[in-house]
Amino acid sequence: MMTNVATGSPAQGGLVQSARGLLLTREAGVFGALLALCIVFAIASPVFLTGQNILNLLRQISLLGVLAIGATYVLIISEVDLSVGSLYGFAGMVGGLLIVSGVPEVAAILITLTLGLAIGAMNGAITVAGRIPSFITTLGTLYLIRGATLVMSNGMPVSLPHGQGAAPILTALAQGSLIGNLSNQVLVLIVVAALGFFLLHKTTFGFHIFAVGGNDRAARIVGVPVSRTKIIAFAIAGLLASFAGIINFGFLENVQPVTGIGLELDVIAAVIIGGTRLGGGEGSIPGTLLGVLLIGVVRNGLILLGVTPFWQTTLIGAVVLTAALIGGLTSKK
């Protein structure tokens, strides 16, 4: 029996359909936009594609990426966490104060991470138990955490004593490089992304996240623990925000009371650009990483071209609006 050349074999048809489906995903659109921007900046600036600039770019987006992975869980369940920027600065301040005051480094890190986990879980518990919109809940904790940071520090920065090796593990993790000139911060992002991908896309908990975001009432009817799932999602966001904050302290060896102000907006922007739907139920870790990378490329390229920070903010806002518009049109289609 001969196969019709015009129609092709069933296997070929399946490959074509798979390829077409891949090209229509929001992640493919973000990747296309990212590739186009890289080409433009490479033509406009000979420095853009140099190895050193690429390594710097990857390090610069690493901590934003860690924060965005946590935020992805929260946005997929159709909630939002505005407190991650404040928690980022709070974690650095708590960890710094503990280490400077003589608390063993490992204990200080564990205490900081536990606090971040607890604050994230508290956000989720208040939202669920009080039936309060997460926007309001986390707006309140944003101010609470920022105020606590200012009170603890008395409005003053906290720094590691120079040359005394007060936090060798933390500084090695934040400043070192195990693979050539590739910063350990990039390796941290890779590990967090791999774990985040597995948990979200390969486990029952990940299925619960998507089910709750898609329709929490239907999810509850089929036995999904909606309340617990939401609390855990917020706890993951809090844990990763505190983790990024303590690494930032180890990299800079100091922390300011205002560290992290406005960072939550970059985090949410990266997740939305990466294809996570504000209405919940859709999103992916690879998409979030592409969103983070796109924001990083825009900022890095504009800096190389000498564009003022004001225009950087404006263009990132335009990118967010475009991504939201494309997402809305894609959902309708």
C-alpha atoms as a PDB file:
ATOM      1  CA  MET A   1       0.000   0.000   0.000  1.00  0.00           C
ATOM      2  CA  MET A   2       1.480   3.327  -1.044  1.00  0.00           C
ATOM      3  CA  THR A   3       1.360   6.445   1.091  1.00  0.00           C
ATOM      4  CA  ASN A   4      -0.074   9.582  -0.425  1.00  0.00           C
ATOM      5  CA  VAL A   5       2.858  11.948  -0.914  1.00  0.00           C
ATOM      6  CA  ALA A   6       0.664  15.017  -0.509  1.00  0.00           C
ATOM      7  CA  THR A   7      -0.746  14.010   2.870  1.00  0.00           C
ATOM      8  CA  GLY A   8       2.290  12.215   4.212  1.00  0.00           C
ATOM      9  CA  SER A   9       2.416   9.417   6.817  1.00  0.00           C
ATOM     10  CA  PRO A  10       0.486   9.505  10.106  1.00  0.00           C
ATOM     11  CA  ALA A  11       3.786   9.840  11.971  1.00  0.00           C
ATOM     12  CA  GLN A  12       4.728  12.892   9.907  1.00  0.00           C
ATOM     13  CA  GLY A  13       1.299  14.382  10.510  1.00  0.00           C
ATOM     14  CA  GLY A  14       1.748  13.884  14.244  1.00  0.00           C
ATOM     15  CA  LEU A  15       5.133  15.608  14.185  1.00  0.00           C
ATOM     16  CA  VAL A  16       3.686  18.533  12.260  1.00  0.00           C
ATOM     17  CA  GLN A  17       0.836  18.867  14.737  1.00  0.00           C
ATOM     18  CA  SER A  18       3.260  18.697  17.677  1.00  0.00           C
ATOM     19  CA  ALA A  19       5.518  21.317  16.115  1.00  0.00           C
ATOM     20  CA  ARG A  20       2.550  23.560  15.370  1.00  0.00           C
ATOM     21  CA  GLY A  21       1.297  23.186  18.935  1.00  0.00           C
ATOM     22  CA  LEU A  22       4.738  24.058  20.311  1.00  0.00           C
ATOM     23  CA  LEU A  23       4.980  27.175  18.169  1.00  0.00           C
ATOM     24  CA  LEU A  24       1.597  28.371  19.417  1.00  0.00           C
ATOM     25  CA  THR A  25       2.550  28.190  23.099  1.00  0.00           C
ATOM     26  CA  ARG A  26       3.128  31.417  25.001  1.00  0.00           C
ATOM     27  CA  GLU A  27       6.628  30.240  25.933  1.00  0.00           C
ATOM     28  CA  ALA A  28       7.499  30.037  22.224  1.00  0.00           C
ATOM     29  CA  GLY A  29       6.289  33.617  21.775  1.00  0.00           C
ATOM     30  CA  VAL A  30       8.420  34.826  24.685  1.00  0.00           C
ATOM     31  CA  PHE A  31      11.420  32.944  23.310  1.00  0.00           C
ATOM     32  CA  GLY A  32      10.891  34.550  19.893  1.00  0.00           C
ATOM     33  CA  ALA A  33      10.735  38.023  21.445  1.00  0.00           C
ATOM     34  CA  LEU A  34      13.847  37.261  23.494  1.00  0.00           C
ATOM     35  CA  LEU A  35      15.737  36.095  20.422  1.00  0.00           C
ATOM     36  CA  ALA A  36      14.721  39.209  18.479  1.00  0.00           C
ATOM     37  CA  LEU A  37      15.897  41.477  21.296  1.00  0.00           C
ATOM     38  CA  CYS A  38      19.226  39.663  21.508  1.00  0.00           C
ATOM     39  CA  ILE A  39      19.771  40.149  17.776  1.00  0.00           C
ATOM     40  CA  VAL A  40      18.933  43.863  18.013  1.00  0.00           C
ATOM     41  CA  PHE A  41      21.237  44.461  20.988  1.00  0.00           C
ATOM     42  CA  ALA A  42      24.025  42.369  19.432  1.00  0.00           C
ATOM     43  CA  ILE A  43      23.900  44.579  16.333  1.00  0.00           C
ATOM     44  CA  ALA A  44      23.648  47.805  18.335  1.00  0.00           C
ATOM     45  CA  SER A  45      26.400  46.972  20.836  1.00  0.00           C
ATOM     46  CA  PRO A  46      29.453  44.796  20.145  1.00  0.00           C
ATOM     47  CA  VAL A  47      29.803  44.208  23.890  1.00  0.00           C
ATOM     48  CA  PHE A  48      26.428  42.494  24.279  1.00  0.00           C
ATOM     49  CA  LEU A  49      27.440  39.005  23.110  1.00  0.00           C
ATOM     50  CA  THR A  50      30.828  38.947  24.832  1.00  0.00           C
ATOM     51  CA  GLY A  51      31.338  36.129  27.301  1.00  0.00           C
ATOM     52  CA  GLN A  52      31.867  38.458  30.239  1.00  0.00           C
ATOM     53  CA  ASN A  53      28.661  40.384  29.585  1.00  0.00           C
ATOM     54  CA  ILE A  54      26.620  37.188  29.256  1.00  0.00           C
ATOM     55  CA  LEU A  55      28.038  35.860  32.529  1.00  0.00           C
ATOM     56  CA  ASN A  56      27.241  39.175  34.221  1.00  0.00           C
ATOM     57  CA  LEU A  57      23.712  39.109  32.785  1.00  0.00           C
ATOM     58  CA  LEU A  58      23.085  35.599  34.099  1.00  0.00           C
ATOM     59  CA  ARG A  59      24.309  36.543  37.564  1.00  0.00           C
ATOM     60  CA  GLN A  60      22.199  39.697  37.580  1.00  0.00           C
ATOM     61  CA  ILE A  61      18.972  37.805  36.884  1.00  0.00           C
ATOM     62  CA  SER A  62      19.677  34.854  39.196  1.00  0.00           C
ATOM     63  CA  LEU A  63      18.070  36.146  42.382  1.00  0.00           C
ATOM     64  CA  LEU A  64      15.140  37.638  40.467  1.00  0.00           C
ATOM     65  CA  GLY A  65      14.694  34.193  38.955  1.00  0.00           C
ATOM     66  CA  VAL A  66      14.623  32.514  42.370  1.00  0.00           C
ATOM     67  CA  LEU A  67      11.959  34.965  43.548  1.00  0.00           C
ATOM     68  CA  ALA A  68       9.943  34.558  40.335  1.00  0.00           C
ATOM     69  CA  ILE A  69       9.857  30.769  40.629  1.00  0.00           C
ATOM     70  CA  GLY A  70       8.194  31.088  44.029  1.00  0.00           C
ATOM     71  CA  ALA A  71       5.779  33.704  42.706  1.00  0.00           C
ATOM     72  CA  THR A  72       4.812  31.382  39.845  1.00  0.00           C
ATOM     73  CA  TYR A  73       3.144  28.993  42.289  1.00  0.00           C
ATOM     74  CA  VAL A  74       1.147  31.811  43.859  1.00  0.00           C
ATOM     75  CA  LEU A  75      -0.002  33.322  40.559  1.00  0.00           C
ATOM     76  CA  ILE A  76      -1.038  29.950  39.132  1.00  0.00           C
ATOM     77  CA  ILE A  77      -3.443  29.474  42.070  1.00  0.00           C
ATOM     78  CA  SER A  78      -4.970  32.836  41.074  1.00  0.00           C
ATOM     79  CA  GLU A  79      -3.440  34.758  43.980  1.00  0.00           C
ATOM     80  CA  VAL A  80      -0.708  37.381  44.256  1.00  0.00           C
ATOM     81  CA  ASP A  81       2.075  38.014  46.784  1.00  0.00           C
ATOM     82  CA  LEU A  82       3.146  41.646  47.117  1.00  0.00           C
ATOM     83  CA  SER A  83       5.346  40.992  50.153  1.00  0.00           C
ATOM     84  CA  VAL A  84       8.226  39.127  48.470  1.00  0.00           C
ATOM     85  CA  GLY A  85      10.296  42.277  47.915  1.00  0.00           C
ATOM     86  CA  SER A  86      10.012  43.314  51.561  1.00  0.00           C
ATOM     87  CA  LEU A  87      10.710  39.749  52.691  1.00  0.00           C
ATOM     88  CA  TYR A  88      13.802  39.726  50.473  1.00  0.00           C
ATOM     89  CA  GLY A  89      15.201  42.747  52.343  1.00  0.00           C
ATOM     90  CA  PHE A  90      13.951  41.479  55.721  1.00  0.00           C
ATOM     91  CA  ALA A  91      15.731  38.144  55.273  1.00  0.00           C
ATOM     92  CA  GLY A  92      19.006  39.829  54.439  1.00  0.00           C
ATOM     93  CA  MET A  93      18.668  42.076  57.495  1.00  0.00           C
ATOM     94  CA  VAL A  94      17.765  39.224  59.868  1.00  0.00           C
ATOM     95  CA  GLY A  95      20.553  36.997  58.573  1.00  0.00           C
ATOM     96  CA  GLY A  96      23.060  39.850  58.719  1.00  0.00           C
ATOM     97  CA  LEU A  97      22.145  40.863  62.263  1.00  0.00           C
ATOM     98  CA  LEU A  98      22.316  37.257  63.482  1.00  0.00           C
ATOM     99  CA  ILE A  99      25.725  36.626  61.906  1.00  0.00           C
ATOM    100  CA  VAL A 100      27.190  39.948  63.050  1.00  0.00           C
ATOM    101  CA  SER A 101      25.922  39.324  66.596  1.00  0.00           C
ATOM    102  CA  GLY A 102      27.812  36.030  66.762  1.00  0.00           C
ATOM    103  CA  VAL A 103      25.171  33.436  65.914  1.00  0.00           C
ATOM    104  CA  PRO A 104      26.760  30.501  64.023  1.00  0.00           C
ATOM    105  CA  GLU A 105      26.417  31.004  60.282  1.00  0.00           C
ATOM    106  CA  VAL A 106      24.465  27.821  59.518  1.00  0.00           C
ATOM    107  CA  ALA A 107      22.050  28.491  62.383  1.00  0.00           C
ATOM    108  CA  ALA A 108      21.543  32.070  61.181  1.00  0.00           C
ATOM    109  CA  ILE A 109      20.750  30.881  57.653  1.00  0.00           C
ATOM    110  CA  LEU A 110      18.306  28.235  58.898  1.00  0.00           C
ATOM    111  CA  ILE A 111      16.551  30.730  61.187  1.00  0.00           C
ATOM    112  CA  THR A 112      16.210  33.184  58.298  1.00  0.00           C
ATOM    113  CA  LEU A 113      14.801  30.549  55.947  1.00  0.00           C
ATOM    114  CA  THR A 114      12.388  29.316  58.619  1.00  0.00           C
ATOM    115  CA  LEU A 115      11.122  32.855  59.152  1.00  0.00           C
ATOM    116  CA  GLY A 116      10.572  33.288  55.417  1.00  0.00           C
ATOM    117  CA  LEU A 117       8.685  29.990  55.240  1.00  0.00           C
ATOM    118  CA  ALA A 118       6.547  30.941  58.241  1.00  0.00           C
ATOM    119  CA  ILE A 119       5.724  34.411  56.897  1.00  0.00           C
ATOM    120  CA  GLY A 120       4.741  32.934  53.543  1.00  0.00           C
ATOM    121  CA  ALA A 121       2.536  30.342  55.240  1.00  0.00           C
ATOM    122  CA  MET A 122       1.006  33.116  57.358  1.00  0.00           C
ATOM    123  CA  ASN A 123       0.100  35.025  54.196  1.00  0.00           C
ATOM    124  CA  GLY A 124      -1.623  31.937  52.864  1.00  0.00           C
ATOM    125  CA  ALA A 125      -3.401  31.135  56.137  1.00  0.00           C
ATOM    126  CA  ILE A 126      -4.755  34.675  56.531  1.00  0.00           C
ATOM    127  CA  THR A 127      -5.934  34.706  52.925  1.00  0.00           C
ATOM    128  CA  VAL A 128      -7.649  31.331  53.235  1.00  0.00           C
ATOM    129  CA  ALA A 129      -9.041  31.522  56.772  1.00  0.00           C
ATOM    130  CA  GLY A 130     -10.084  35.153  56.590  1.00  0.00           C
ATOM    131  CA  ARG A 131     -11.325  34.888  53.001  1.00  0.00           C
ATOM    132  CA  ILE A 132      -9.392  38.072  52.304  1.00  0.00           C
ATOM    133  CA  PRO A 133      -8.072  38.829  48.810  1.00  0.00           C
ATOM    134  CA  SER A 134      -4.374  37.993  48.761  1.00  0.00           C
ATOM    135  CA  PHE A 135      -3.694  41.452  47.323  1.00  0.00           C
ATOM    136  CA  ILE A 136      -4.888  42.989  50.603  1.00  0.00           C
ATOM    137  CA  THR A 137      -3.232  40.380  52.823  1.00  0.00           C
ATOM    138  CA  THR A 138       0.186  40.700  51.262  1.00  0.00           C
ATOM    139  CA  LEU A 139      -0.077  44.475  50.966  1.00  0.00           C
ATOM    140  CA  GLY A 140      -0.469  44.516  54.733  1.00  0.00           C
ATOM    141  CA  THR A 141       2.461  42.168  55.320  1.00  0.00           C
ATOM    142  CA  LEU A 142       4.536  44.223  52.895  1.00  0.00           C
ATOM    143  CA  TYR A 143       4.251  47.191  55.266  1.00  0.00           C
ATOM    144  CA  LEU A 144       4.605  45.042  58.394  1.00  0.00           C
ATOM    145  CA  ILE A 145       7.792  43.395  57.179  1.00  0.00           C
ATOM    146  CA  ARG A 146       9.270  46.634  55.886  1.00  0.00           C
ATOM    147  CA  GLY A 147       8.497  48.322  59.210  1.00  0.00           C
ATOM    148  CA  ALA A 148      10.063  45.442  61.142  1.00  0.00           C
ATOM    149  CA  THR A 149      13.200  45.738  59.013  1.00  0.00           C
ATOM    150  CA  LEU A 150      13.496  49.442  59.779  1.00  0.00           C
ATOM    151  CA  VAL A 151      12.889  48.886  63.510  1.00  0.00           C
ATOM    152  CA  MET A 152      15.460  46.077  63.761  1.00  0.00           C
ATOM    153  CA  SER A 153      18.130  48.046  61.954  1.00  0.00           C
ATOM    154  CA  ASN A 154      17.167  51.430  63.381  1.00  0.00           C
ATOM    155  CA  GLY A 155      17.317  52.639  59.795  1.00  0.00           C
ATOM    156  CA  MET A 156      20.999  51.744  59.482  1.00  0.00           C
ATOM    157  CA  PRO A 157      22.716  49.270  57.126  1.00  0.00           C
ATOM    158  CA  VAL A 158      24.291  46.077  58.442  1.00  0.00           C
ATOM    159  CA  SER A 159      27.632  44.884  57.067  1.00  0.00           C
ATOM    160  CA  LEU A 160      29.909  41.898  57.530  1.00  0.00           C
ATOM    161  CA  PRO A 161      33.278  42.694  59.153  1.00  0.00           C
ATOM    162  CA  HIS A 162      35.752  42.873  56.286  1.00  0.00           C
ATOM    163  CA  GLY A 163      38.554  40.331  56.198  1.00  0.00           C
ATOM    164  CA  GLN A 164      37.369  38.341  59.226  1.00  0.00           C
ATOM    165  CA  GLY A 165      35.594  35.472  57.478  1.00  0.00           C
ATOM    166  CA  ALA A 166      32.385  35.956  59.449  1.00  0.00           C
ATOM    167  CA  ALA A 167      30.267  34.057  56.899  1.00  0.00           C
ATOM    168  CA  PRO A 168      32.540  31.857  54.747  1.00  0.00           C
ATOM    169  CA  ILE A 169      29.780  29.507  53.549  1.00  0.00           C
ATOM    170  CA  LEU A 170      27.408  32.289  52.579  1.00  0.00           C
ATOM    171  CA  THR A 171      30.030  34.416  50.828  1.00  0.00           C
ATOM    172  CA  ALA A 172      31.394  31.394  48.962  1.00  0.00           C
ATOM    173  CA  LEU A 173      27.880  30.501  47.809  1.00  0.00           C
ATOM    174  CA  ALA A 174      27.067  34.069  46.764  1.00  0.00           C
ATOM    175  CA  GLN A 175      30.425  35.235  45.405  1.00  0.00           C
ATOM    176  CA  GLY A 176      32.248  32.096  44.303  1.00  0.00           C
ATOM    177  CA  SER A 177      32.218  30.073  41.099  1.00  0.00           C
ATOM    178  CA  LEU A 178      32.509  26.289  40.961  1.00  0.00           C
ATOM    179  CA  ILE A 179      32.483  26.111  37.152  1.00  0.00           C
ATOM    180  CA  GLY A 180      34.949  28.490  35.517  1.00  0.00           C
ATOM    181  CA  ASN A 181      33.708  32.070  35.676  1.00  0.00           C
ATOM    182  CA  LEU A 182      30.070  31.043  36.051  1.00  0.00           C
ATOM    183  CA  SER A 183      28.755  32.544  39.284  1.00  0.00           C
ATOM    184  CA  ASN A 184      27.429  30.180  41.941  1.00  0.00           C
ATOM    185  CA  GLN A 185      24.286  32.296  41.943  1.00  0.00           C
ATOM    186  CA  VAL A 186      23.525  30.977  38.460  1.00  0.00           C
ATOM    187  CA  LEU A 187      23.993  27.415  39.709  1.00  0.00           C
ATOM    188  CA  VAL A 188      21.636  28.186  42.581  1.00  0.00           C
ATOM    189  CA  LEU A 189      19.011  29.369  40.089  1.00  0.00           C
ATOM    190  CA  ILE A 190      19.468  26.211  38.001  1.00  0.00           C
ATOM    191  CA  VAL A 191      18.990  23.968  41.047  1.00  0.00           C
ATOM    192  CA  VAL A 192      15.958  25.919  42.298  1.00  0.00           C
ATOM    193  CA  ALA A 193      14.443  25.907  38.798  1.00  0.00           C
ATOM    194  CA  ALA A 194      14.963  22.145  38.436  1.00  0.00           C
ATOM    195  CA  LEU A 195      13.336  21.459  41.808  1.00  0.00           C
ATOM    196  CA  GLY A 196      10.559  23.938  41.073  1.00  0.00           C
ATOM    197  CA  PHE A 197       9.898  22.344  37.680  1.00  0.00           C
ATOM    198  CA  PHE A 198       9.739  18.839  39.151  1.00  0.00           C
ATOM    199  CA  LEU A 199       7.409  19.887  41.960  1.00  0.00           C
ATOM    200  CA  LEU A 200       5.076  21.878  39.703  1.00  0.00           C
ATOM    201  CA  HIS A 201       4.973  19.689  36.604  1.00  0.00           C
ATOM    202  CA  LYS A 202       5.731  16.152  37.808  1.00  0.00           C
ATOM    203  CA  THR A 203       3.985  15.701  41.172  1.00  0.00           C
ATOM    204  CA  THR A 204       0.476  15.424  42.567  1.00  0.00           C
ATOM    205  CA  PHE A 205       1.005  18.708  44.404  1.00  0.00           C
ATOM    206  CA  GLY A 206       1.700  20.397  41.075  1.00  0.00           C
ATOM    207  CA  PHE A 207      -1.546  18.994  39.703  1.00  0.00           C
ATOM    208  CA  HIS A 208      -3.322  20.443  42.744  1.00  0.00           C
ATOM    209  CA  ILE A 209      -1.775  23.857  42.048  1.00  0.00           C
ATOM    210  CA  PHE A 210      -3.158  23.928  38.504  1.00  0.00           C
ATOM    211  CA  ALA A 211      -6.514  22.520  39.610  1.00  0.00           C
ATOM    212  CA  VAL A 212      -6.970  25.160  42.308  1.00  0.00           C
ATOM    213  CA  GLY A 213      -5.986  27.928  39.910  1.00  0.00           C
ATOM    214  CA  GLY A 214      -8.281  26.649  37.192  1.00  0.00           C
ATOM    215  CA  ASN A 215     -11.386  26.306  39.368  1.00  0.00           C
ATOM    216  CA  ASP A 216     -11.044  26.002  43.121  1.00  0.00           C
ATOM    217  CA  ARG A 217     -14.685  24.978  43.622  1.00  0.00           C
ATOM    218  CA  ALA A 218     -14.400  22.117  41.151  1.00  0.00           C
ATOM    219  CA  ALA A 219     -11.049  21.161  42.679  1.00  0.00           C
ATOM    220  CA  ARG A 220     -12.616  20.990  46.137  1.00  0.00           C
ATOM    221  CA  ILE A 221     -15.439  18.785  44.833  1.00  0.00           C
ATOM    222  CA  VAL A 222     -12.990  16.223  43.411  1.00  0.00           C
ATOM    223  CA  GLY A 223     -11.042  16.097  46.680  1.00  0.00           C
ATOM    224  CA  VAL A 224      -8.182  18.537  46.151  1.00  0.00           C
ATOM    225  CA  PRO A 225      -7.108  20.103  49.492  1.00  0.00           C
ATOM    226  CA  VAL A 226      -7.598  23.673  48.297  1.00  0.00           C
ATOM    227  CA  SER A 227      -6.753  25.500  51.517  1.00  0.00           C
ATOM    228  CA  ARG A 228      -3.612  23.472  52.196  1.00  0.00           C
ATOM    229  CA  THR A 229      -2.460  23.853  48.589  1.00  0.00           C
ATOM    230  CA  LYS A 230      -2.785  27.645  48.761  1.00  0.00           C
ATOM    231  CA  ILE A 231      -0.931  27.867  52.060  1.00  0.00           C
ATOM    232  CA  ILE A 232       1.930  25.721  50.744  1.00  0.00           C
ATOM    233  CA  ALA A 233       2.162  27.827  47.580  1.00  0.00           C
ATOM    234  CA  PHE A 234       2.552  31.002  49.662  1.00  0.00           C
ATOM    235  CA  ALA A 235       5.041  29.210  51.922  1.00  0.00           C
ATOM    236  CA  ILE A 236       7.186  28.277  48.905  1.00  0.00           C
ATOM    237  CA  ALA A 237       7.175  31.920  47.759  1.00  0.00           C
ATOM    238  CA  GLY A 238       8.203  33.068  51.238  1.00  0.00           C
ATOM    239  CA  LEU A 239      10.963  30.478  51.511  1.00  0.00           C
ATOM    240  CA  LEU A 240      12.482  31.393  48.149  1.00  0.00           C
ATOM    241  CA  ALA A 241      12.223  35.133  48.866  1.00  0.00           C
ATOM    242  CA  SER A 242      14.155  34.704  52.124  1.00  0.00           C
ATOM    243  CA  PHE A 243      16.666  32.413  50.391  1.00  0.00           C
ATOM    244  CA  ALA A 244      17.331  35.023  47.707  1.00  0.00           C
ATOM    245  CA  GLY A 245      17.590  37.740  50.366  1.00  0.00           C
ATOM    246  CA  ILE A 246      20.236  35.938  52.401  1.00  0.00           C
ATOM    247  CA  ILE A 247      22.255  35.181  49.252  1.00  0.00           C
ATOM    248  CA  ASN A 248      22.086  38.858  48.283  1.00  0.00           C
ATOM    249  CA  PHE A 249      23.503  39.720  51.712  1.00  0.00           C
ATOM    250  CA  GLY A 250      26.342  37.246  51.181  1.00  0.00           C
ATOM    251  CA  PHE A 251      27.130  38.746  47.789  1.00  0.00           C
ATOM    252  CA  LEU A 252      27.161  42.405  48.833  1.00  0.00           C
ATOM    253  CA  GLU A 253      28.311  41.690  52.419  1.00  0.00           C
ATOM    254  CA  ASN A 254      25.879  44.347  53.563  1.00  0.00           C
ATOM    255  CA  VAL A 255      22.173  45.082  53.476  1.00  0.00           C
ATOM    256  CA  GLN A 256      20.273  48.359  53.483  1.00  0.00           C
ATOM    257  CA  PRO A 257      16.929  48.814  55.300  1.00  0.00           C
ATOM    258  CA  VAL A 258      15.329  49.722  51.948  1.00  0.00           C
ATOM    259  CA  THR A 259      16.659  46.681  50.074  1.00  0.00           C
ATOM    260  CA  GLY A 260      13.965  45.054  47.955  1.00  0.00           C
ATOM    261  CA  ILE A 261      11.620  48.041  47.640  1.00  0.00           C
ATOM    262  CA  GLY A 262       9.668  47.661  44.398  1.00  0.00           C
ATOM    263  CA  LEU A 263      11.241  44.270  43.657  1.00  0.00           C
ATOM    264  CA  GLU A 264       7.860  42.533  43.875  1.00  0.00           C
ATOM    265  CA  LEU A 265       6.788  44.399  40.726  1.00  0.00           C
ATOM    266  CA  ASP A 266       9.732  43.016  38.751  1.00  0.00           C
ATOM    267  CA  VAL A 267       8.931  39.543  40.058  1.00  0.00           C
ATOM    268  CA  ILE A 268       5.269  39.691  39.034  1.00  0.00           C
ATOM    269  CA  ALA A 269       6.203  41.238  35.677  1.00  0.00           C
ATOM    270  CA  ALA A 270       8.651  38.410  34.920  1.00  0.00           C
ATOM    271  CA  VAL A 271       6.084  35.722  35.755  1.00  0.00           C
ATOM    272  CA  ILE A 272       3.360  37.371  33.656  1.00  0.00           C
ATOM    273  CA  ILE A 273       5.719  37.911  30.711  1.00  0.00           C
ATOM    274  CA  GLY A 274       6.639  34.227  30.999  1.00  0.00           C
ATOM    275  CA  GLY A 275       3.064  33.190  30.274  1.00  0.00           C
ATOM    276  CA  THR A 276       1.474  32.697  33.696  1.00  0.00           C
ATOM    277  CA  ARG A 277      -2.137  33.826  33.490  1.00  0.00           C
ATOM    278  CA  LEU A 278      -3.309  36.343  36.101  1.00  0.00           C
ATOM    279  CA  GLY A 279      -6.607  34.483  36.320  1.00  0.00           C
ATOM    280  CA  GLY A 280      -4.761  31.360  37.424  1.00  0.00           C
ATOM    281  CA  GLY A 281      -4.583  27.811  36.108  1.00  0.00           C
ATOM    282  CA  GLU A 282      -1.821  28.407  33.538  1.00  0.00           C
ATOM    283  CA  GLY A 283       1.919  28.865  33.828  1.00  0.00           C
ATOM    284  CA  SER A 284       5.254  27.077  33.778  1.00  0.00           C
ATOM    285  CA  ILE A 285       8.721  27.296  35.284  1.00  0.00           C
ATOM    286  CA  PRO A 286      10.460  27.439  31.852  1.00  0.00           C
ATOM    287  CA  GLY A 287       8.137  30.293  30.867  1.00  0.00           C
ATOM    288  CA  THR A 288       8.989  32.175  34.062  1.00  0.00           C
ATOM    289  CA  LEU A 289      12.710  31.751  33.396  1.00  0.00           C
ATOM    290  CA  LEU A 290      12.213  33.154  29.894  1.00  0.00           C
ATOM    291  CA  GLY A 291      10.337  36.119  31.379  1.00  0.00           C
ATOM    292  CA  VAL A 292      13.152  36.771  33.847  1.00  0.00           C
ATOM    293  CA  LEU A 293      15.733  36.494  31.074  1.00  0.00           C
ATOM    294  CA  LEU A 294      13.773  38.863  28.845  1.00  0.00           C
ATOM    295  CA  ILE A 295      13.662  41.530  31.564  1.00  0.00           C
ATOM    296  CA  GLY A 296      17.377  41.019  32.187  1.00  0.00           C
ATOM    297  CA  VAL A 297      18.222  41.329  28.489  1.00  0.00           C
ATOM    298  CA  VAL A 298      16.161  44.519  28.134  1.00  0.00           C
ATOM    299  CA  ARG A 299      17.907  46.164  31.080  1.00  0.00           C
ATOM    300  CA  ASN A 300      21.377  44.952  30.166  1.00  0.00           C
ATOM    301  CA  GLY A 301      21.028  45.964  26.524  1.00  0.00           C
ATOM    302  CA  LEU A 302      19.664  49.408  27.311  1.00  0.00           C
ATOM    303  CA  ILE A 303      22.465  50.049  29.811  1.00  0.00           C
ATOM    304  CA  LEU A 304      25.048  49.103  27.181  1.00  0.00           C
ATOM    305  CA  LEU A 305      23.368  51.558  24.802  1.00  0.00           C
ATOM    306  CA  GLY A 306      23.475  54.313  27.414  1.00  0.00           C
ATOM    307  CA  VAL A 307      19.695  54.593  27.780  1.00  0.00           C
ATOM    308  CA  THR A 308      18.536  56.235  31.019  1.00  0.00           C
ATOM    309  CA  PRO A 309      16.845  54.103  33.732  1.00  0.00           C
ATOM    310  CA  PHE A 310      13.616  56.034  33.155  1.00  0.00           C
ATOM    311  CA  TRP A 311      13.286  54.610  29.654  1.00  0.00           C
ATOM    312  CA  GLN A 312      14.220  51.154  30.952  1.00  0.00           C
ATOM    313  CA  THR A 313      11.236  51.212  33.288  1.00  0.00           C
ATOM    314  CA  THR A 314       8.980  52.517  30.533  1.00  0.00           C
ATOM    315  CA  LEU A 315       9.985  49.782  28.087  1.00  0.00           C
ATOM    316  CA  ILE A 316       9.580  47.018  30.677  1.00  0.00           C
ATOM    317  CA  GLY A 317       6.074  48.347  31.357  1.00  0.00           C
ATOM    318  CA  ALA A 318       5.332  48.180  27.639  1.00  0.00           C
ATOM    319  CA  VAL A 319       6.603  44.592  27.547  1.00  0.00           C
ATOM    320  CA  VAL A 320       4.322  43.619  30.449  1.00  0.00           C
ATOM    321  CA  LEU A 321       1.280  45.192  28.767  1.00  0.00           C
ATOM    322  CA  THR A 322       2.094  43.461  25.486  1.00  0.00           C
ATOM    323  CA  ALA A 323       2.497  40.101  27.234  1.00  0.00           C
ATOM    324  CA  ALA A 324      -0.822  40.548  29.072  1.00  0.00           C
ATOM    325  CA  LEU A 325      -2.577  41.485  25.799  1.00  0.00           C
ATOM    326  CA  ILE A 326      -1.140  38.493  23.953  1.00  0.00           C
ATOM    327  CA  GLY A 327      -2.092  36.256  26.862  1.00  0.00           C
ATOM    328  CA  GLY A 328      -5.668  37.509  26.811  1.00  0.00           C
ATOM    329  CA  LEU A 329      -5.988  36.998  23.066  1.00  0.00           C
ATOM    330  CA  THR A 330      -4.416  33.536  23.312  1.00  0.00           C
ATOM    331  CA  SER A 331      -6.820  32.489  26.083  1.00  0.00           C
ATOM    332  CA  LYS A 332      -9.827  33.612  24.034  1.00  0.00           C
ATOM    333  CA  LYS A 333      -8.560  31.738  20.988  1.00  0.00           C
END
